[in-house]
Amino acid sequence: GKKHFVKEVEVCAHLRLTSPQEYLEGNNCLVIPTDTIKNIVLV
C-alpha cells in the first residue's frame, strides 16, 4: 500500500567449478562470467 520497506545489501558470490581447466588450459567453456553472476543475484 502506502507503506514502503527497504533492504540495502552488499553481496559477494564465489564459485568453484568441477574442473580447473580455465586456470590450467585457458579453456573458458565452463566459466560463468562474473557479470552473469551479478545479474543472477539481482534477478
PDB file of all heavy atoms in Angstrom:
ATOM      1  N   GLY A   1       0.841  -1.195   0.000  1.00  0.00           N
ATOM      2  CA  GLY A   1       0.000   0.000   0.000  1.00  0.00           C
ATOM      3  C   GLY A   1       0.876   1.245   0.000  1.00  0.00           C
ATOM      4  O   GLY A   1       1.792   1.369  -0.808  1.00  0.00           O
ATOM      5  N   LYS A   2       0.620   2.138   0.925  1.00  0.00           N
ATOM      6  CA  LYS A   2       1.429   3.352   1.014  1.00  0.00           C
ATOM      7  C   LYS A   2       2.730   3.134   1.794  1.00  0.00           C
ATOM      8  O   LYS A   2       3.620   3.985   1.746  1.00  0.00           O
ATOM      9  CB  LYS A   2       0.618   4.464   1.683  1.00  0.00           C
ATOM     10  CG  LYS A   2      -0.554   4.983   0.855  1.00  0.00           C
ATOM     11  CD  LYS A   2      -1.239   6.143   1.569  1.00  0.00           C
ATOM     12  CE  LYS A   2      -2.371   6.721   0.729  1.00  0.00           C
ATOM     13  NZ  LYS A   2      -3.044   7.856   1.414  1.00  0.00           N
ATOM     14  N   LYS A   3       2.828   2.013   2.507  1.00  0.00           N
ATOM     15  CA  LYS A   3       3.995   1.772   3.348  1.00  0.00           C
ATOM     16  C   LYS A   3       5.122   1.140   2.541  1.00  0.00           C
ATOM     17  O   LYS A   3       4.901   0.192   1.780  1.00  0.00           O
ATOM     18  CB  LYS A   3       3.629   0.875   4.527  1.00  0.00           C
ATOM     19  CG  LYS A   3       4.688   0.826   5.617  1.00  0.00           C
ATOM     20  CD  LYS A   3       4.175   0.103   6.859  1.00  0.00           C
ATOM     21  CE  LYS A   3       5.196   0.161   7.986  1.00  0.00           C
ATOM     22  NZ  LYS A   3       4.718  -0.503   9.224  1.00  0.00           N
ATOM     23  N   HIS A   4       6.328   1.684   2.693  1.00  0.00           N
ATOM     24  CA  HIS A   4       7.500   1.208   1.979  1.00  0.00           C
ATOM     25  C   HIS A   4       8.440   0.471   2.941  1.00  0.00           C
ATOM     26  O   HIS A   4       8.564   0.844   4.112  1.00  0.00           O
ATOM     27  CB  HIS A   4       8.251   2.371   1.334  1.00  0.00           C
ATOM     28  CG  HIS A   4       7.529   2.993   0.180  1.00  0.00           C
ATOM     29  ND1 HIS A   4       6.261   3.502   0.283  1.00  0.00           N
ATOM     30  CD2 HIS A   4       7.904   3.191  -1.115  1.00  0.00           C
ATOM     31  CE1 HIS A   4       5.877   3.991  -0.889  1.00  0.00           C
ATOM     32  NE2 HIS A   4       6.850   3.805  -1.752  1.00  0.00           N
ATOM     33  N   PHE A   5       9.119  -0.550   2.401  1.00  0.00           N
ATOM     34  CA  PHE A   5      10.134  -1.277   3.146  1.00  0.00           C
ATOM     35  C   PHE A   5      11.403  -1.296   2.288  1.00  0.00           C
ATOM     36  O   PHE A   5      11.333  -1.491   1.071  1.00  0.00           O
ATOM     37  CB  PHE A   5       9.682  -2.705   3.430  1.00  0.00           C
ATOM     38  CG  PHE A   5       8.431  -2.803   4.256  1.00  0.00           C
ATOM     39  CD1 PHE A   5       7.174  -2.689   3.654  1.00  0.00           C
ATOM     40  CD2 PHE A   5       8.497  -3.012   5.620  1.00  0.00           C
ATOM     41  CE1 PHE A   5       6.013  -2.785   4.406  1.00  0.00           C
ATOM     42  CE2 PHE A   5       7.336  -3.106   6.380  1.00  0.00           C
ATOM     43  CZ  PHE A   5       6.098  -2.984   5.778  1.00  0.00           C
ATOM     44  N   VAL A   6      12.568  -1.098   2.936  1.00  0.00           N
ATOM     45  CA  VAL A   6      13.821  -1.089   2.182  1.00  0.00           C
ATOM     46  C   VAL A   6      14.789  -2.099   2.785  1.00  0.00           C
ATOM     47  O   VAL A   6      14.785  -2.358   3.988  1.00  0.00           O
ATOM     48  CB  VAL A   6      14.470   0.314   2.164  1.00  0.00           C
ATOM     49  CG1 VAL A   6      13.567   1.314   1.482  1.00  0.00           C
ATOM     50  CG2 VAL A   6      14.847   0.773   3.568  1.00  0.00           C
ATOM     51  N   LYS A   7      15.602  -2.666   1.915  1.00  0.00           N
ATOM     52  CA  LYS A   7      16.678  -3.552   2.326  1.00  0.00           C
ATOM     53  C   LYS A   7      17.840  -3.291   1.365  1.00  0.00           C
ATOM     54  O   LYS A   7      17.783  -3.632   0.183  1.00  0.00           O
ATOM     55  CB  LYS A   7      16.241  -5.005   2.241  1.00  0.00           C
ATOM     56  CG  LYS A   7      17.235  -5.996   2.813  1.00  0.00           C
ATOM     57  CD  LYS A   7      17.153  -6.107   4.306  1.00  0.00           C
ATOM     58  CE  LYS A   7      15.923  -6.836   4.755  1.00  0.00           C
ATOM     59  NZ  LYS A   7      15.911  -7.085   6.218  1.00  0.00           N
ATOM     60  N   GLU A   8      18.892  -2.632   1.883  1.00  0.00           N
ATOM     61  CA  GLU A   8      20.079  -2.368   1.072  1.00  0.00           C
ATOM     62  C   GLU A   8      21.174  -3.329   1.500  1.00  0.00           C
ATOM     63  O   GLU A   8      21.492  -3.439   2.695  1.00  0.00           O
ATOM     64  CB  GLU A   8      20.557  -0.925   1.240  1.00  0.00           C
ATOM     65  CG  GLU A   8      21.724  -0.588   0.323  1.00  0.00           C
ATOM     66  CD  GLU A   8      22.114   0.876   0.366  1.00  0.00           C
ATOM     67  OE1 GLU A   8      21.434   1.661   1.057  1.00  0.00           O
ATOM     68  OE2 GLU A   8      23.108   1.238  -0.297  1.00  0.00           O
ATOM     69  N   VAL A   9      21.745  -4.038   0.535  1.00  0.00           N
ATOM     70  CA  VAL A   9      22.717  -5.078   0.850  1.00  0.00           C
ATOM     71  C   VAL A   9      23.930  -4.989  -0.070  1.00  0.00           C
ATOM     72  O   VAL A   9      23.910  -4.345  -1.124  1.00  0.00           O
ATOM     73  CB  VAL A   9      22.099  -6.489   0.739  1.00  0.00           C
ATOM     74  CG1 VAL A   9      20.955  -6.669   1.715  1.00  0.00           C
ATOM     75  CG2 VAL A   9      21.652  -6.778  -0.678  1.00  0.00           C
ATOM     76  N   GLU A  10      24.971  -5.674   0.374  1.00  0.00           N
ATOM     77  CA  GLU A  10      26.172  -5.891  -0.437  1.00  0.00           C
ATOM     78  C   GLU A  10      26.420  -7.394  -0.477  1.00  0.00           C
ATOM     79  O   GLU A  10      26.444  -8.046   0.564  1.00  0.00           O
ATOM     80  CB  GLU A  10      27.370  -5.162   0.169  1.00  0.00           C
ATOM     81  CG  GLU A  10      28.684  -5.398  -0.556  1.00  0.00           C
ATOM     82  CD  GLU A  10      29.842  -4.674   0.093  1.00  0.00           C
ATOM     83  OE1 GLU A  10      29.638  -3.534   0.567  1.00  0.00           O
ATOM     84  OE2 GLU A  10      30.949  -5.246   0.145  1.00  0.00           O
ATOM     85  N   VAL A  11      26.589  -7.933  -1.667  1.00  0.00           N
ATOM     86  CA  VAL A  11      26.707  -9.375  -1.846  1.00  0.00           C
ATOM     87  C   VAL A  11      28.039  -9.711  -2.497  1.00  0.00           C
ATOM     88  O   VAL A  11      28.483  -9.017  -3.421  1.00  0.00           O
ATOM     89  CB  VAL A  11      25.550  -9.917  -2.725  1.00  0.00           C
ATOM     90  CG1 VAL A  11      25.704 -11.419  -2.950  1.00  0.00           C
ATOM     91  CG2 VAL A  11      24.202  -9.599  -2.092  1.00  0.00           C
ATOM     92  N   CYS A  12      28.669 -10.769  -2.010  1.00  0.00           N
ATOM     93  CA  CYS A  12      29.821 -11.373  -2.678  1.00  0.00           C
ATOM     94  C   CYS A  12      29.456 -12.828  -2.972  1.00  0.00           C
ATOM     95  O   CYS A  12      29.073 -13.560  -2.056  1.00  0.00           O
ATOM     96  CB  CYS A  12      31.071 -11.319  -1.809  1.00  0.00           C
ATOM     97  SG  CYS A  12      31.590  -9.653  -1.333  1.00  0.00           S
ATOM     98  N   ALA A  13      29.562 -13.223  -4.214  1.00  0.00           N
ATOM     99  CA  ALA A  13      29.208 -14.582  -4.620  1.00  0.00           C
ATOM    100  C   ALA A  13      30.411 -15.233  -5.303  1.00  0.00           C
ATOM    101  O   ALA A  13      30.922 -14.707  -6.295  1.00  0.00           O
ATOM    102  CB  ALA A  13      28.006 -14.569  -5.562  1.00  0.00           C
ATOM    103  N   HIS A  14      30.867 -16.371  -4.769  1.00  0.00           N
ATOM    104  CA  HIS A  14      32.043 -17.053  -5.290  1.00  0.00           C
ATOM    105  C   HIS A  14      31.697 -18.489  -5.666  1.00  0.00           C
ATOM    106  O   HIS A  14      30.918 -19.147  -4.960  1.00  0.00           O
ATOM    107  CB  HIS A  14      33.172 -17.050  -4.251  1.00  0.00           C
ATOM    108  CG  HIS A  14      33.736 -15.696  -4.012  1.00  0.00           C
ATOM    109  ND1 HIS A  14      34.555 -15.405  -2.955  1.00  0.00           N
ATOM    110  CD2 HIS A  14      33.582 -14.530  -4.695  1.00  0.00           C
ATOM    111  CE1 HIS A  14      34.905 -14.128  -2.994  1.00  0.00           C
ATOM    112  NE2 HIS A  14      34.318 -13.576  -4.039  1.00  0.00           N
ATOM    113  N   LEU A  15      32.292 -18.955  -6.749  1.00  0.00           N
ATOM    114  CA  LEU A  15      32.055 -20.304  -7.250  1.00  0.00           C
ATOM    115  C   LEU A  15      33.369 -21.071  -7.362  1.00  0.00           C
ATOM    116  O   LEU A  15      34.436 -20.481  -7.567  1.00  0.00           O
ATOM    117  CB  LEU A  15      31.407 -20.266  -8.636  1.00  0.00           C
ATOM    118  CG  LEU A  15      30.165 -19.400  -8.835  1.00  0.00           C
ATOM    119  CD1 LEU A  15      29.760 -19.437 -10.300  1.00  0.00           C
ATOM    120  CD2 LEU A  15      29.041 -19.855  -7.926  1.00  0.00           C
ATOM    121  N   ARG A  16      33.286 -22.397  -7.236  1.00  0.00           N
ATOM    122  CA  ARG A  16      34.382 -23.282  -7.633  1.00  0.00           C
ATOM    123  C   ARG A  16      33.810 -24.285  -8.606  1.00  0.00           C
ATOM    124  O   ARG A  16      32.780 -24.913  -8.325  1.00  0.00           O
ATOM    125  CB  ARG A  16      34.992 -23.984  -6.427  1.00  0.00           C
ATOM    126  CG  ARG A  16      36.202 -24.857  -6.814  1.00  0.00           C
ATOM    127  CD  ARG A  16      36.981 -25.357  -5.603  1.00  0.00           C
ATOM    128  NE  ARG A  16      36.225 -26.331  -4.819  1.00  0.00           N
ATOM    129  CZ  ARG A  16      35.830 -26.159  -3.576  1.00  0.00           C
ATOM    130  NH1 ARG A  16      36.100 -25.021  -2.954  1.00  0.00           N
ATOM    131  NH2 ARG A  16      35.164 -27.111  -2.937  1.00  0.00           N
ATOM    132  N   LEU A  17      34.424 -24.443  -9.744  1.00  0.00           N
ATOM    133  CA  LEU A  17      33.902 -25.327 -10.784  1.00  0.00           C
ATOM    134  C   LEU A  17      34.457 -26.744 -10.641  1.00  0.00           C
ATOM    135  O   LEU A  17      35.428 -26.980  -9.912  1.00  0.00           O
ATOM    136  CB  LEU A  17      34.236 -24.761 -12.167  1.00  0.00           C
ATOM    137  CG  LEU A  17      33.754 -23.318 -12.435  1.00  0.00           C
ATOM    138  CD1 LEU A  17      34.090 -22.903 -13.853  1.00  0.00           C
ATOM    139  CD2 LEU A  17      32.260 -23.192 -12.163  1.00  0.00           C
ATOM    140  N   THR A  18      33.845 -27.680 -11.346  1.00  0.00           N
ATOM    141  CA  THR A  18      34.251 -29.087 -11.260  1.00  0.00           C
ATOM    142  C   THR A  18      35.600 -29.341 -11.917  1.00  0.00           C
ATOM    143  O   THR A  18      36.251 -30.347 -11.638  1.00  0.00           O
ATOM    144  CB  THR A  18      33.196 -29.983 -11.922  1.00  0.00           C
ATOM    145  OG1 THR A  18      32.955 -29.508 -13.260  1.00  0.00           O
ATOM    146  CG2 THR A  18      31.896 -29.956 -11.141  1.00  0.00           C
ATOM    147  N   SER A  19      36.026 -28.438 -12.801  1.00  0.00           N
ATOM    148  CA  SER A  19      37.322 -28.578 -13.474  1.00  0.00           C
ATOM    149  C   SER A  19      38.064 -27.253 -13.406  1.00  0.00           C
ATOM    150  O   SER A  19      37.456 -26.186 -13.574  1.00  0.00           O
ATOM    151  CB  SER A  19      37.127 -28.978 -14.941  1.00  0.00           C
ATOM    152  OG  SER A  19      38.344 -28.845 -15.653  1.00  0.00           O
ATOM    153  N   PRO A  20      39.393 -27.289 -13.171  1.00  0.00           N
ATOM    154  CA  PRO A  20      40.188 -26.054 -13.168  1.00  0.00           C
ATOM    155  C   PRO A  20      40.759 -25.710 -14.541  1.00  0.00           C
ATOM    156  O   PRO A  20      41.782 -25.029 -14.650  1.00  0.00           O
ATOM    157  CB  PRO A  20      41.315 -26.384 -12.181  1.00  0.00           C
ATOM    158  CG  PRO A  20      41.563 -27.843 -12.407  1.00  0.00           C
ATOM    159  CD  PRO A  20      40.208 -28.444 -12.734  1.00  0.00           C
ATOM    160  N   GLN A  21      40.100 -26.171 -15.611  1.00  0.00           N
ATOM    161  CA  GLN A  21      40.692 -26.027 -16.946  1.00  0.00           C
ATOM    162  C   GLN A  21      40.854 -24.570 -17.363  1.00  0.00           C
ATOM    163  O   GLN A  21      41.735 -24.250 -18.167  1.00  0.00           O
ATOM    164  CB  GLN A  21      39.848 -26.778 -17.984  1.00  0.00           C
ATOM    165  CG  GLN A  21      38.417 -26.266 -18.133  1.00  0.00           C
ATOM    166  CD  GLN A  21      37.572 -27.156 -19.034  1.00  0.00           C
ATOM    167  OE1 GLN A  21      37.899 -28.331 -19.238  1.00  0.00           O
ATOM    168  NE2 GLN A  21      36.498 -26.611 -19.573  1.00  0.00           N
ATOM    169  N   GLU A  22      40.010 -23.676 -16.815  1.00  0.00           N
ATOM    170  CA  GLU A  22      40.177 -22.263 -17.177  1.00  0.00           C
ATOM    171  C   GLU A  22      41.481 -21.707 -16.619  1.00  0.00           C
ATOM    172  O   GLU A  22      42.075 -20.785 -17.197  1.00  0.00           O
ATOM    173  CB  GLU A  22      38.973 -21.434 -16.700  1.00  0.00           C
ATOM    174  CG  GLU A  22      38.866 -21.215 -15.199  1.00  0.00           C
ATOM    175  CD  GLU A  22      38.162 -22.360 -14.488  1.00  0.00           C
ATOM    176  OE1 GLU A  22      38.045 -23.457 -15.053  1.00  0.00           O
ATOM    177  OE2 GLU A  22      37.732 -22.131 -13.335  1.00  0.00           O
ATOM    178  N   TYR A  23      41.952 -22.282 -15.497  1.00  0.00           N
ATOM    179  CA  TYR A  23      43.235 -21.861 -14.924  1.00  0.00           C
ATOM    180  C   TYR A  23      44.412 -22.545 -15.619  1.00  0.00           C
ATOM    181  O   TYR A  23      45.415 -21.919 -15.938  1.00  0.00           O
ATOM    182  CB  TYR A  23      43.282 -22.203 -13.433  1.00  0.00           C
ATOM    183  CG  TYR A  23      42.405 -21.331 -12.563  1.00  0.00           C
ATOM    184  CD1 TYR A  23      41.148 -21.757 -12.163  1.00  0.00           C
ATOM    185  CD2 TYR A  23      42.833 -20.071 -12.138  1.00  0.00           C
ATOM    186  CE1 TYR A  23      40.341 -20.971 -11.360  1.00  0.00           C
ATOM    187  CE2 TYR A  23      42.033 -19.272 -11.333  1.00  0.00           C
ATOM    188  CZ  TYR A  23      40.788 -19.723 -10.944  1.00  0.00           C
ATOM    189  OH  TYR A  23      39.990 -18.944 -10.155  1.00  0.00           O
ATOM    190  N   LEU A  24      44.260 -23.849 -15.849  1.00  0.00           N
ATOM    191  CA  LEU A  24      45.394 -24.630 -16.340  1.00  0.00           C
ATOM    192  C   LEU A  24      45.550 -24.567 -17.857  1.00  0.00           C
ATOM    193  O   LEU A  24      46.669 -24.600 -18.367  1.00  0.00           O
ATOM    194  CB  LEU A  24      45.226 -26.096 -15.914  1.00  0.00           C
ATOM    195  CG  LEU A  24      45.137 -26.342 -14.400  1.00  0.00           C
ATOM    196  CD1 LEU A  24      44.936 -27.828 -14.126  1.00  0.00           C
ATOM    197  CD2 LEU A  24      46.376 -25.828 -13.694  1.00  0.00           C
ATOM    198  N   GLU A  25      44.423 -24.496 -18.583  1.00  0.00           N
ATOM    199  CA  GLU A  25      44.476 -24.593 -20.049  1.00  0.00           C
ATOM    200  C   GLU A  25      43.972 -23.347 -20.752  1.00  0.00           C
ATOM    201  O   GLU A  25      44.080 -23.243 -21.978  1.00  0.00           O
ATOM    202  CB  GLU A  25      43.652 -25.802 -20.516  1.00  0.00           C
ATOM    203  CG  GLU A  25      44.077 -27.120 -19.875  1.00  0.00           C
ATOM    204  CD  GLU A  25      43.051 -28.228 -20.092  1.00  0.00           C
ATOM    205  OE1 GLU A  25      42.145 -28.031 -20.920  1.00  0.00           O
ATOM    206  OE2 GLU A  25      43.161 -29.273 -19.423  1.00  0.00           O
ATOM    207  N   GLY A  26      43.391 -22.430 -19.992  1.00  0.00           N
ATOM    208  CA  GLY A  26      42.799 -21.249 -20.630  1.00  0.00           C
ATOM    209  C   GLY A  26      41.508 -21.563 -21.359  1.00  0.00           C
ATOM    210  O   GLY A  26      41.066 -20.793 -22.219  1.00  0.00           O
ATOM    211  N   ASN A  27      40.878 -22.684 -21.022  1.00  0.00           N
ATOM    212  CA  ASN A  27      39.628 -23.087 -21.650  1.00  0.00           C
ATOM    213  C   ASN A  27      38.465 -22.558 -20.809  1.00  0.00           C
ATOM    214  O   ASN A  27      38.257 -22.996 -19.675  1.00  0.00           O
ATOM    215  CB  ASN A  27      39.566 -24.613 -21.743  1.00  0.00           C
ATOM    216  CG  ASN A  27      38.330 -25.094 -22.491  1.00  0.00           C
ATOM    217  OD1 ASN A  27      37.356 -24.361 -22.663  1.00  0.00           O
ATOM    218  ND2 ASN A  27      38.363 -26.350 -22.935  1.00  0.00           N
ATOM    219  N   ASN A  28      37.694 -21.638 -21.358  1.00  0.00           N
ATOM    220  CA  ASN A  28      36.650 -20.953 -20.596  1.00  0.00           C
ATOM    221  C   ASN A  28      35.244 -21.504 -20.826  1.00  0.00           C
ATOM    222  O   ASN A  28      34.259 -20.867 -20.436  1.00  0.00           O
ATOM    223  CB  ASN A  28      36.639 -19.463 -20.964  1.00  0.00           C
ATOM    224  CG  ASN A  28      37.932 -18.766 -20.592  1.00  0.00           C
ATOM    225  OD1 ASN A  28      38.550 -19.109 -19.592  1.00  0.00           O
ATOM    226  ND2 ASN A  28      38.342 -17.799 -21.406  1.00  0.00           N
ATOM    227  N   CYS A  29      35.129 -22.689 -21.395  1.00  0.00           N
ATOM    228  CA  CYS A  29      33.805 -23.162 -21.806  1.00  0.00           C
ATOM    229  C   CYS A  29      32.871 -23.426 -20.621  1.00  0.00           C
ATOM    230  O   CYS A  29      31.651 -23.440 -20.794  1.00  0.00           O
ATOM    231  CB  CYS A  29      33.938 -24.411 -22.680  1.00  0.00           C
ATOM    232  SG  CYS A  29      34.537 -25.873 -21.808  1.00  0.00           S
ATOM    233  N   LEU A  30      33.409 -23.627 -19.409  1.00  0.00           N
ATOM    234  CA  LEU A  30      32.570 -23.866 -18.235  1.00  0.00           C
ATOM    235  C   LEU A  30      32.398 -22.616 -17.365  1.00  0.00           C
ATOM    236  O   LEU A  30      31.628 -22.644 -16.397  1.00  0.00           O
ATOM    237  CB  LEU A  30      33.163 -24.988 -17.371  1.00  0.00           C
ATOM    238  CG  LEU A  30      33.297 -26.378 -18.015  1.00  0.00           C
ATOM    239  CD1 LEU A  30      33.926 -27.347 -17.030  1.00  0.00           C
ATOM    240  CD2 LEU A  30      31.939 -26.883 -18.492  1.00  0.00           C
ATOM    241  N   VAL A  31      33.108 -21.562 -17.710  1.00  0.00           N
ATOM    242  CA  VAL A  31      33.153 -20.384 -16.843  1.00  0.00           C
ATOM    243  C   VAL A  31      31.870 -19.566 -16.986  1.00  0.00           C
ATOM    244  O   VAL A  31      31.482 -19.166 -18.092  1.00  0.00           O
ATOM    245  CB  VAL A  31      34.376 -19.500 -17.174  1.00  0.00           C
ATOM    246  CG1 VAL A  31      34.340 -18.220 -16.334  1.00  0.00           C
ATOM    247  CG2 VAL A  31      35.659 -20.266 -16.914  1.00  0.00           C
ATOM    248  N   ILE A  32      31.224 -19.318 -15.862  1.00  0.00           N
ATOM    249  CA  ILE A  32      30.068 -18.419 -15.811  1.00  0.00           C
ATOM    250  C   ILE A  32      30.614 -17.016 -15.574  1.00  0.00           C
ATOM    251  O   ILE A  32      31.235 -16.775 -14.529  1.00  0.00           O
ATOM    252  CB  ILE A  32      29.114 -18.825 -14.672  1.00  0.00           C
ATOM    253  CG1 ILE A  32      28.705 -20.294 -14.820  1.00  0.00           C
ATOM    254  CG2 ILE A  32      27.900 -17.915 -14.628  1.00  0.00           C
ATOM    255  CD1 ILE A  32      28.135 -20.897 -13.544  1.00  0.00           C
ATOM    256  N   PRO A  33      30.446 -16.091 -16.509  1.00  0.00           N
ATOM    257  CA  PRO A  33      31.043 -14.763 -16.345  1.00  0.00           C
ATOM    258  C   PRO A  33      30.597 -14.093 -15.043  1.00  0.00           C
ATOM    259  O   PRO A  33      29.460 -14.291 -14.577  1.00  0.00           O
ATOM    260  CB  PRO A  33      30.534 -13.994 -17.567  1.00  0.00           C
ATOM    261  CG  PRO A  33      30.217 -15.049 -18.570  1.00  0.00           C
ATOM    262  CD  PRO A  33      29.732 -16.223 -17.794  1.00  0.00           C
ATOM    263  N   THR A  34      31.487 -13.327 -14.452  1.00  0.00           N
ATOM    264  CA  THR A  34      31.139 -12.656 -13.197  1.00  0.00           C
ATOM    265  C   THR A  34      30.005 -11.649 -13.401  1.00  0.00           C
ATOM    266  O   THR A  34      29.247 -11.379 -12.472  1.00  0.00           O
ATOM    267  CB  THR A  34      32.359 -11.947 -12.595  1.00  0.00           C
ATOM    268  OG1 THR A  34      32.874 -10.983 -13.516  1.00  0.00           O
ATOM    269  CG2 THR A  34      33.446 -12.954 -12.253  1.00  0.00           C
ATOM    270  N   ASP A  35      29.880 -11.113 -14.608  1.00  0.00           N
ATOM    271  CA  ASP A  35      28.755 -10.221 -14.884  1.00  0.00           C
ATOM    272  C   ASP A  35      27.434 -10.988 -14.833  1.00  0.00           C
ATOM    273  O   ASP A  35      26.414 -10.470 -14.378  1.00  0.00           O
ATOM    274  CB  ASP A  35      28.930  -9.548 -16.255  1.00  0.00           C
ATOM    275  CG  ASP A  35      27.887  -8.482 -16.510  1.00  0.00           C
ATOM    276  OD1 ASP A  35      27.894  -7.464 -15.782  1.00  0.00           O
ATOM    277  OD2 ASP A  35      27.049  -8.654 -17.412  1.00  0.00           O
ATOM    278  N   THR A  36      27.466 -12.247 -15.295  1.00  0.00           N
ATOM    279  CA  THR A  36      26.280 -13.095 -15.202  1.00  0.00           C
ATOM    280  C   THR A  36      25.936 -13.391 -13.745  1.00  0.00           C
ATOM    281  O   THR A  36      24.760 -13.390 -13.354  1.00  0.00           O
ATOM    282  CB  THR A  36      26.512 -14.418 -15.959  1.00  0.00           C
ATOM    283  OG1 THR A  36      26.854 -14.129 -17.322  1.00  0.00           O
ATOM    284  CG2 THR A  36      25.284 -15.307 -15.916  1.00  0.00           C
ATOM    285  N   ILE A  37      26.971 -13.644 -12.942  1.00  0.00           N
ATOM    286  CA  ILE A  37      26.759 -13.869 -11.502  1.00  0.00           C
ATOM    287  C   ILE A  37      26.064 -12.669 -10.877  1.00  0.00           C
ATOM    288  O   ILE A  37      25.091 -12.813 -10.120  1.00  0.00           O
ATOM    289  CB  ILE A  37      28.105 -14.155 -10.804  1.00  0.00           C
ATOM    290  CG1 ILE A  37      28.710 -15.458 -11.317  1.00  0.00           C
ATOM    291  CG2 ILE A  37      27.933 -14.186  -9.293  1.00  0.00           C
ATOM    292  CD1 ILE A  37      30.110 -15.739 -10.805  1.00  0.00           C
ATOM    293  N   LYS A  38      26.539 -11.471 -11.207  1.00  0.00           N
ATOM    294  CA  LYS A  38      25.924 -10.253 -10.676  1.00  0.00           C
ATOM    295  C   LYS A  38      24.458 -10.157 -11.094  1.00  0.00           C
ATOM    296  O   LYS A  38      23.582  -9.878 -10.254  1.00  0.00           O
ATOM    297  CB  LYS A  38      26.680  -9.019 -11.181  1.00  0.00           C
ATOM    298  CG  LYS A  38      26.068  -7.696 -10.742  1.00  0.00           C
ATOM    299  CD  LYS A  38      26.539  -6.549 -11.614  1.00  0.00           C
ATOM    300  CE  LYS A  38      25.933  -6.653 -13.011  1.00  0.00           C
ATOM    301  NZ  LYS A  38      26.278  -5.500 -13.870  1.00  0.00           N
ATOM    302  N   ASN A  39      24.180 -10.414 -12.363  1.00  0.00           N
ATOM    303  CA  ASN A  39      22.798 -10.304 -12.852  1.00  0.00           C
ATOM    304  C   ASN A  39      21.882 -11.333 -12.189  1.00  0.00           C
ATOM    305  O   ASN A  39      20.707 -11.046 -11.912  1.00  0.00           O
ATOM    306  CB  ASN A  39      22.771 -10.462 -14.369  1.00  0.00           C
ATOM    307  CG  ASN A  39      23.405  -9.287 -15.083  1.00  0.00           C
ATOM    308  OD1 ASN A  39      23.472  -8.183 -14.534  1.00  0.00           O
ATOM    309  ND2 ASN A  39      23.881  -9.508 -16.303  1.00  0.00           N
ATOM    310  N   ILE A  40      22.401 -12.524 -11.944  1.00  0.00           N
ATOM    311  CA  ILE A  40      21.600 -13.555 -11.270  1.00  0.00           C
ATOM    312  C   ILE A  40      21.217 -13.100  -9.864  1.00  0.00           C
ATOM    313  O   ILE A  40      20.070 -13.268  -9.428  1.00  0.00           O
ATOM    314  CB  ILE A  40      22.366 -14.891 -11.228  1.00  0.00           C
ATOM    315  CG1 ILE A  40      22.408 -15.518 -12.635  1.00  0.00           C
ATOM    316  CG2 ILE A  40      21.740 -15.868 -10.231  1.00  0.00           C
ATOM    317  CD1 ILE A  40      23.306 -16.727 -12.744  1.00  0.00           C
ATOM    318  N   VAL A  41      22.171 -12.511  -9.141  1.00  0.00           N
ATOM    319  CA  VAL A  41      21.893 -12.015  -7.793  1.00  0.00           C
ATOM    320  C   VAL A  41      20.784 -10.965  -7.833  1.00  0.00           C
ATOM    321  O   VAL A  41      19.852 -10.988  -7.013  1.00  0.00           O
ATOM    322  CB  VAL A  41      23.164 -11.447  -7.152  1.00  0.00           C
ATOM    323  CG1 VAL A  41      22.843 -10.693  -5.861  1.00  0.00           C
ATOM    324  CG2 VAL A  41      24.170 -12.571  -6.874  1.00  0.00           C
ATOM    325  N   LEU A  42      20.850 -10.056  -8.795  1.00  0.00           N
ATOM    326  CA  LEU A  42      19.838  -9.004  -8.902  1.00  0.00           C
ATOM    327  C   LEU A  42      18.468  -9.590  -9.266  1.00  0.00           C
ATOM    328  O   LEU A  42      17.432  -9.152  -8.737  1.00  0.00           O
ATOM    329  CB  LEU A  42      20.268  -7.977  -9.943  1.00  0.00           C
ATOM    330  CG  LEU A  42      21.558  -7.191  -9.628  1.00  0.00           C
ATOM    331  CD1 LEU A  42      21.919  -6.278 -10.787  1.00  0.00           C
ATOM    332  CD2 LEU A  42      21.406  -6.389  -8.344  1.00  0.00           C
ATOM    333  N   VAL A  43      18.469 -10.578 -10.160  1.00  0.00           N
ATOM    334  CA  VAL A  43      17.200 -11.199 -10.557  1.00  0.00           C
ATOM    335  C   VAL A  43      16.567 -11.942  -9.382  1.00  0.00           C
ATOM    336  O   VAL A  43      15.347 -11.878  -9.165  1.00  0.00           O
ATOM    337  CB  VAL A  43      17.421 -12.151 -11.753  1.00  0.00           C
ATOM    338  CG1 VAL A  43      16.193 -13.016 -11.990  1.00  0.00           C
ATOM    339  CG2 VAL A  43      17.739 -11.344 -13.016  1.00  0.00           C
TER     340      VAL A  43
END
